[in-house]
Amino acid sequence: MKKYVLTLLLFCSILLVGCGKTTEKDVVKDITKNVSKSNGYYIEGEMQIINNEDTYTYDVKVSYQKQDKYRVSLTNTANNHEQIILKNSEGVYVITPALNKSFKFQSEWPYNNSQVYLLQSLINDLENDEDKTFEEKDGMYILKSKVNYPNNNNLQSQLIYIDKGMNFKEVHVLDQNGIPQIKMKFNKIDMKATFDKKHFALNENLKSSNTDETYESVSKIEDTIYPMYMPQETHLVSEDTVNKDDGERLILTFEGEKPFMLVEETASVAEETEIIPVVGDPHIILDTVAAVTDTSISFVSNGIEYYIASDVMSQDELINVARSLSVSALEK
């Protein structure tokens, strides 16, 4: 009888050890293994970008295939405007199918900064942070790590929500006050996805404009948009309008301690596929994906093409000017 009781106790103790509490290392190890062994994955989700009192919502579709191929479709839910960030063996592109235009980047994207919608980027952030934290709450494992957003120093950390099946569910990117500025919700993840060769081809993606999107060309700039953010000791000195064959261009010149130029012009659909080379990185600003370099930012929003340039301002200041164009016009 005593021998039976001892055997039973030994069995129970082994069982309890085997059913120990899940740790941070367990979760990181499992999700890393799931991502690294995948030859390709497909994601559908929703991303929110918060800019002061404005929130921009995107439907996100991500395709990844080993051999360094990425396709990220971002559709603004407010106006159904789709843009595609594409990486293949030829380079990195930001494609605007409705305008028949694309920017070709000399860029290390997506490896040069954090990407909230790419699983490899989330894993990389976790591996690079020796001080990451871990907790289990409401049936979720929550990992907190530092982030790398060189174009936005206000973004400091992220919360990564993992369910008990080791699936990514949500990511919240926080500012220095712990307030979410980016939210990504994963609605579908297929870790065994396969794609045909055309899926990552530039020409095929230029043809793949969202058929539900109707682009209405604008021939005139009805209201001038002035930046609400202005570097100190900098002010507007001139405002010139230039007529184009298919619309008009407005040139705003700012002088002072941090001089810069802001160009607003009516966007037009290119008759033939137009590929514009740039040195910089794709960056989400307001309701669109912008081309960001050390000295300039260009993007299209609501039928208007914006171009901001300065040889004096920092990249952070250029981005602050671009973000401030989302609100009502500033009085001169």
Protein backbone atom coordinates (compact mmCIF):
# COMPACT_ATOMS: atom_id res chain seq x y z
CA MET A 1 0.00 0.00 0.00
CA LYS A 2 2.80 2.41 0.95
CA LYS A 3 4.58 1.60 -2.31
CA TYR A 4 1.39 2.41 -4.25
CA VAL A 5 0.97 5.74 -2.47
CA LEU A 6 4.61 6.71 -3.12
CA THR A 7 4.27 5.81 -6.79
CA LEU A 8 1.10 7.88 -7.07
CA LEU A 9 2.72 10.89 -5.42
CA LEU A 10 5.74 10.62 -7.70
CA PHE A 11 3.48 10.48 -10.77
CA CYS A 12 1.53 13.54 -9.62
CA SER A 13 4.72 15.51 -9.00
CA ILE A 14 6.00 14.70 -12.49
CA LEU A 15 2.64 15.73 -13.94
CA LEU A 16 2.71 19.04 -12.09
CA VAL A 17 6.24 19.79 -13.32
CA GLY A 18 5.23 18.99 -16.88
CA CYS A 19 2.27 21.37 -16.63
CA GLY A 20 4.31 24.33 -15.39
CA LYS A 21 3.31 27.90 -16.14
CA THR A 22 4.11 29.21 -19.63
CA THR A 23 7.05 31.60 -19.56
CA GLU A 24 8.27 34.47 -21.73
CA LYS A 25 10.94 32.21 -23.23
CA ASP A 26 8.32 29.60 -24.14
CA VAL A 27 6.16 32.11 -26.00
CA VAL A 28 9.05 33.79 -27.84
CA LYS A 29 10.53 30.40 -28.78
CA ASP A 30 7.21 29.09 -30.15
CA ILE A 31 6.23 32.14 -32.20
CA THR A 32 9.79 32.47 -33.54
CA LYS A 33 9.75 28.84 -34.62
CA ASN A 34 6.36 29.24 -36.32
CA VAL A 35 7.56 32.25 -38.34
CA SER A 36 11.03 30.93 -39.22
CA LYS A 37 9.78 27.59 -40.56
CA SER A 38 7.11 29.21 -42.76
CA ASN A 39 7.91 29.37 -46.48
CA GLY A 40 5.19 31.96 -46.93
CA TYR A 41 2.35 33.54 -45.01
CA TYR A 42 -0.75 35.60 -45.74
CA ILE A 43 -2.33 38.09 -43.34
CA GLU A 44 -5.57 40.04 -43.31
CA GLY A 45 -6.15 42.66 -40.67
CA GLU A 46 -7.01 46.21 -39.73
CA MET A 47 -4.58 48.95 -38.80
CA GLN A 48 -5.34 52.27 -37.16
CA ILE A 49 -2.98 55.25 -37.30
CA ILE A 50 -3.73 57.91 -34.67
CA ASN A 51 -2.71 61.50 -35.41
CA ASN A 52 -3.80 63.90 -32.67
CA GLU A 53 -7.62 63.81 -32.85
CA ASP A 54 -7.71 62.04 -36.23
CA THR A 55 -7.71 58.26 -36.72
CA TYR A 56 -6.94 56.71 -40.11
CA THR A 57 -8.07 53.12 -40.63
CA TYR A 58 -6.57 50.74 -43.19
CA ASP A 59 -7.57 47.30 -44.39
CA VAL A 60 -4.26 45.45 -44.52
CA LYS A 61 -3.34 42.41 -46.63
CA VAL A 62 0.19 41.06 -46.32
CA SER A 63 1.82 38.40 -48.51
CA TYR A 64 5.28 37.05 -47.72
CA GLN A 65 7.34 34.46 -49.55
CA LYS A 66 10.83 33.27 -48.75
CA GLN A 67 13.51 34.67 -51.04
CA ASP A 68 12.73 38.11 -49.58
CA LYS A 69 9.41 38.88 -51.28
CA TYR A 70 6.78 41.07 -49.64
CA ARG A 71 3.49 42.55 -50.83
CA VAL A 72 1.57 44.82 -48.45
CA SER A 73 -1.78 46.18 -49.62
CA LEU A 74 -3.06 49.17 -47.62
CA THR A 75 -6.60 50.34 -48.36
CA ASN A 76 -7.87 53.47 -46.63
CA THR A 77 -11.38 52.60 -45.44
CA ALA A 78 -12.53 56.24 -45.62
CA ASN A 79 -12.03 56.65 -49.38
CA ASN A 80 -11.21 53.08 -50.54
CA HIS A 81 -7.83 54.32 -51.81
CA GLU A 82 -5.36 51.44 -52.19
CA GLN A 83 -1.59 51.55 -52.20
CA ILE A 84 0.80 48.62 -52.36
CA ILE A 85 4.26 48.32 -50.85
CA LEU A 86 6.11 45.72 -52.90
CA LYS A 87 9.53 44.16 -52.43
CA ASN A 88 10.91 41.72 -54.97
CA SER A 89 14.28 40.93 -56.54
CA GLU A 90 14.13 44.20 -58.53
CA GLY A 91 13.69 46.56 -55.60
CA VAL A 92 11.18 48.22 -53.28
CA TYR A 93 8.13 50.00 -54.70
CA VAL A 94 5.15 51.98 -53.48
CA ILE A 95 2.41 51.53 -56.05
CA THR A 96 -0.68 53.68 -56.48
CA PRO A 97 -2.73 51.66 -59.01
CA ALA A 98 -5.49 54.26 -59.37
CA LEU A 99 -2.95 56.82 -60.64
CA ASN A 100 -0.94 54.25 -62.64
CA LYS A 101 2.15 55.41 -60.75
CA SER A 102 4.79 53.86 -58.54
CA PHE A 103 7.83 55.05 -56.61
CA LYS A 104 10.95 52.87 -56.79
CA PHE A 105 13.09 53.13 -53.67
CA GLN A 106 16.73 52.59 -52.96
CA SER A 107 15.84 51.30 -49.54
CA GLU A 108 16.48 48.54 -46.99
CA TRP A 109 12.75 48.28 -46.29
CA PRO A 110 11.40 46.43 -44.35
CA TYR A 111 14.56 45.74 -42.32
CA ASN A 112 15.57 49.29 -41.40
CA ASN A 113 12.74 49.93 -38.93
CA SER A 114 9.84 48.27 -37.13
CA GLN A 115 6.82 47.17 -39.17
CA VAL A 116 3.66 46.51 -37.18
CA TYR A 117 2.09 44.26 -39.84
CA LEU A 118 5.12 42.01 -40.57
CA LEU A 119 5.70 38.98 -38.33
CA GLN A 120 9.49 38.93 -38.88
CA SER A 121 9.70 42.53 -37.70
CA LEU A 122 7.81 41.76 -34.50
CA ILE A 123 10.09 38.80 -33.80
CA ASN A 124 13.16 40.94 -34.51
CA ASP A 125 11.98 43.62 -32.05
CA LEU A 126 11.54 40.96 -29.36
CA GLU A 127 14.96 39.42 -29.99
CA ASN A 128 16.67 42.83 -29.89
CA ASP A 129 15.18 43.84 -26.54
CA GLU A 130 16.84 42.20 -23.54
CA ASP A 131 14.51 44.14 -21.23
CA LYS A 132 11.23 43.01 -22.77
CA THR A 133 8.44 42.21 -20.33
CA PHE A 134 5.81 39.48 -20.24
CA GLU A 135 2.43 38.94 -18.61
CA GLU A 136 -0.60 36.71 -18.95
CA LYS A 137 -3.92 38.53 -18.88
CA ASP A 138 -7.48 37.80 -20.03
CA GLY A 139 -6.42 34.58 -21.77
CA MET A 140 -3.63 36.32 -23.69
CA TYR A 141 0.14 36.40 -23.46
CA ILE A 142 1.30 40.02 -23.67
CA LEU A 143 4.88 40.84 -24.63
CA LYS A 144 6.20 44.39 -24.38
CA SER A 145 9.28 45.43 -26.31
CA LYS A 146 11.07 48.50 -27.58
CA VAL A 147 10.51 49.55 -31.19
CA ASN A 148 12.65 51.13 -33.89
CA TYR A 149 10.85 53.94 -35.74
CA PRO A 150 13.65 56.35 -36.74
CA ASN A 151 11.11 58.52 -38.60
CA ASN A 152 9.00 58.94 -35.47
CA ASN A 153 10.93 59.17 -32.20
CA ASN A 154 7.64 59.54 -30.32
CA LEU A 155 6.98 55.81 -30.80
CA GLN A 156 8.79 54.05 -27.95
CA SER A 157 7.36 50.57 -27.32
CA GLN A 158 4.77 48.00 -28.38
CA LEU A 159 2.44 45.47 -26.80
CA ILE A 160 2.19 42.20 -28.73
CA TYR A 161 -0.87 40.06 -27.89
CA ILE A 162 -0.51 36.28 -28.43
CA ASP A 163 -3.31 33.77 -27.82
CA LYS A 164 -2.88 30.36 -26.18
CA GLY A 165 -2.46 28.79 -29.63
CA MET A 166 0.62 30.99 -30.18
CA ASN A 167 -1.15 33.13 -32.79
CA PHE A 168 -0.56 36.88 -33.18
CA LYS A 169 -3.80 38.70 -32.37
CA GLU A 170 -3.01 42.41 -31.90
CA VAL A 171 -0.14 44.90 -31.65
CA HIS A 172 -0.33 48.31 -30.02
CA VAL A 173 2.53 50.75 -30.63
CA LEU A 174 2.81 53.23 -27.76
CA ASP A 175 4.23 56.72 -27.40
CA GLN A 176 6.43 57.88 -24.53
CA ASN A 177 3.33 58.32 -22.37
CA GLY A 178 2.13 54.77 -23.01
CA ILE A 179 -0.72 55.93 -25.27
CA PRO A 180 -1.41 53.80 -28.40
CA GLN A 181 -0.53 55.59 -31.66
CA ILE A 182 -0.76 52.55 -33.97
CA LYS A 183 -3.06 49.56 -33.55
CA MET A 184 -2.87 46.42 -35.68
CA LYS A 185 -5.50 43.68 -35.39
CA PHE A 186 -4.82 40.35 -37.12
CA ASN A 187 -8.09 38.88 -38.40
CA LYS A 188 -6.55 36.05 -40.45
CA ILE A 189 -3.10 34.47 -40.60
CA ASP A 190 -2.24 31.60 -42.95
CA MET A 191 1.28 30.38 -42.21
CA LYS A 192 1.26 27.90 -45.12
CA ALA A 193 0.28 30.30 -47.91
CA THR A 194 1.61 29.87 -51.44
CA PHE A 195 1.65 32.41 -54.27
CA ASP A 196 2.24 32.32 -58.01
CA LYS A 197 5.10 34.22 -59.64
CA LYS A 198 2.88 37.07 -60.79
CA HIS A 199 1.84 37.93 -57.25
CA PHE A 200 5.08 39.84 -56.56
CA ALA A 201 5.59 41.22 -60.11
CA LEU A 202 5.50 45.01 -60.51
CA ASN A 203 3.48 45.12 -63.74
CA GLU A 204 0.86 42.72 -62.39
CA ASN A 205 0.42 44.85 -59.29
CA LEU A 206 0.07 48.02 -61.34
CA LYS A 207 -2.85 46.32 -63.10
CA SER A 208 -4.44 45.19 -59.87
CA SER A 209 -6.20 48.43 -58.97
CA ASN A 210 -9.09 47.95 -56.61
CA THR A 211 -12.07 47.76 -58.98
CA ASP A 212 -14.27 49.38 -56.32
CA GLU A 213 -12.08 52.46 -56.17
CA THR A 214 -13.24 55.39 -58.27
CA TYR A 215 -10.64 58.10 -58.65
CA GLU A 216 -12.08 61.53 -59.35
CA SER A 217 -9.49 63.86 -60.83
CA VAL A 218 -9.33 67.40 -59.46
CA SER A 219 -8.63 70.26 -61.87
CA LYS A 220 -8.45 73.08 -59.33
CA ILE A 221 -7.21 73.49 -55.75
CA GLU A 222 -10.26 74.92 -54.00
CA ASP A 223 -8.72 75.44 -50.56
CA THR A 224 -5.07 75.94 -49.74
CA ILE A 225 -3.92 73.65 -46.91
CA TYR A 226 -1.43 75.37 -44.61
CA PRO A 227 0.71 73.40 -42.15
CA MET A 228 -0.36 73.64 -38.51
CA TYR A 229 3.17 72.73 -37.42
CA MET A 230 5.80 75.39 -38.05
CA PRO A 231 9.44 75.40 -36.90
CA GLN A 232 10.34 78.33 -34.68
CA GLU A 233 11.25 81.61 -36.39
CA THR A 234 9.85 80.33 -39.72
CA HIS A 235 6.97 81.92 -41.61
CA LEU A 236 5.18 82.00 -44.97
CA VAL A 237 6.58 84.62 -47.37
CA SER A 238 4.99 83.81 -50.71
CA GLU A 239 2.20 81.84 -52.32
CA ASP A 240 2.22 81.35 -56.08
CA THR A 241 -0.23 79.54 -58.34
CA VAL A 242 0.91 77.96 -61.61
CA ASN A 243 -1.54 76.65 -64.20
CA LYS A 244 -0.88 73.18 -65.66
CA ASP A 245 -2.39 71.55 -68.73
CA ASP A 246 -4.46 69.28 -66.50
CA GLY A 247 -4.85 71.38 -63.35
CA GLU A 248 -2.84 73.74 -61.20
CA ARG A 249 0.13 73.87 -58.88
CA LEU A 250 0.43 75.94 -55.71
CA ILE A 251 3.91 76.80 -54.38
CA LEU A 252 4.23 77.97 -50.77
CA THR A 253 7.61 79.33 -49.69
CA PHE A 254 8.57 79.57 -46.03
CA GLU A 255 11.63 81.47 -44.84
CA GLY A 256 13.38 82.05 -41.53
CA GLU A 257 15.44 79.79 -39.29
CA LYS A 258 14.15 76.58 -40.95
CA PRO A 259 13.18 77.49 -44.55
CA PHE A 260 11.21 74.99 -46.61
CA MET A 261 8.98 74.74 -49.65
CA LEU A 262 5.52 73.17 -49.83
CA VAL A 263 4.04 72.31 -53.22
CA GLU A 264 0.40 71.31 -53.63
CA GLU A 265 -0.83 70.29 -57.07
CA THR A 266 -3.74 68.47 -58.60
CA ALA A 267 -2.97 64.79 -59.10
CA SER A 268 -3.53 63.18 -62.49
CA VAL A 269 -3.71 59.62 -63.78
CA ALA A 270 -0.65 58.75 -65.88
CA GLU A 271 -1.54 57.59 -69.39
CA GLU A 272 1.30 55.08 -69.31
CA THR A 273 2.84 53.32 -66.35
CA GLU A 274 5.06 55.80 -64.54
CA ILE A 275 7.91 54.66 -62.28
CA ILE A 276 9.52 57.44 -60.25
CA PRO A 277 12.95 56.65 -58.69
CA VAL A 278 13.57 58.00 -55.18
CA VAL A 279 16.23 57.62 -52.50
CA GLY A 280 14.46 57.10 -49.20
CA ASP A 281 11.85 54.93 -47.52
CA PRO A 282 8.11 54.33 -47.67
CA HIS A 283 6.38 55.79 -44.62
CA ILE A 284 2.68 55.97 -43.67
CA ILE A 285 1.62 59.57 -43.15
CA LEU A 286 -1.99 60.52 -42.48
CA ASP A 287 -4.16 58.63 -44.98
CA THR A 288 -1.47 57.53 -47.42
CA VAL A 289 1.99 56.04 -47.96
CA ALA A 290 4.62 58.71 -48.54
CA ALA A 291 8.10 58.69 -50.04
CA VAL A 292 10.42 60.03 -47.32
CA THR A 293 14.04 61.08 -47.91
CA ASP A 294 16.47 63.07 -45.76
CA THR A 295 15.42 66.32 -47.43
CA SER A 296 11.91 65.77 -48.82
CA ILE A 297 8.51 64.11 -48.47
CA SER A 298 6.01 63.44 -51.26
CA PHE A 299 2.57 61.89 -51.09
CA VAL A 300 -0.93 61.97 -52.61
CA SER A 301 -4.03 62.61 -50.51
CA ASN A 302 -7.61 63.32 -51.64
CA GLY A 303 -6.64 64.14 -55.21
CA ILE A 304 -3.77 66.46 -54.27
CA GLU A 305 -0.06 65.70 -54.60
CA TYR A 306 2.07 67.19 -51.83
CA TYR A 307 5.80 67.79 -51.93
CA ILE A 308 7.75 69.22 -48.96
CA ALA A 309 11.48 69.98 -49.26
CA SER A 310 14.16 71.60 -47.14
CA ASP A 311 17.95 71.42 -46.96
CA VAL A 312 17.89 72.69 -43.38
CA MET A 313 15.06 70.91 -41.56
CA SER A 314 15.53 67.49 -39.98
CA GLN A 315 13.54 64.52 -41.23
CA ASP A 316 11.45 64.60 -38.03
CA GLU A 317 10.54 68.24 -38.71
CA LEU A 318 9.61 67.46 -42.32
CA ILE A 319 7.33 64.64 -41.14
CA ASN A 320 5.76 66.91 -38.51
CA VAL A 321 4.93 69.43 -41.24
CA ALA A 322 3.41 66.67 -43.39
CA ARG A 323 1.31 65.31 -40.52
CA SER A 324 0.01 68.77 -39.68
CA LEU A 325 -1.54 69.13 -43.13
CA SER A 326 -4.44 66.92 -42.03
CA VAL A 327 -6.28 69.63 -40.16
CA SER A 328 -8.12 72.80 -41.18
CA ALA A 329 -6.21 75.59 -42.87
CA LEU A 330 -4.06 77.89 -40.79
CA GLU A 331 -4.67 81.59 -41.14
CA LYS A 332 -1.76 83.43 -42.79
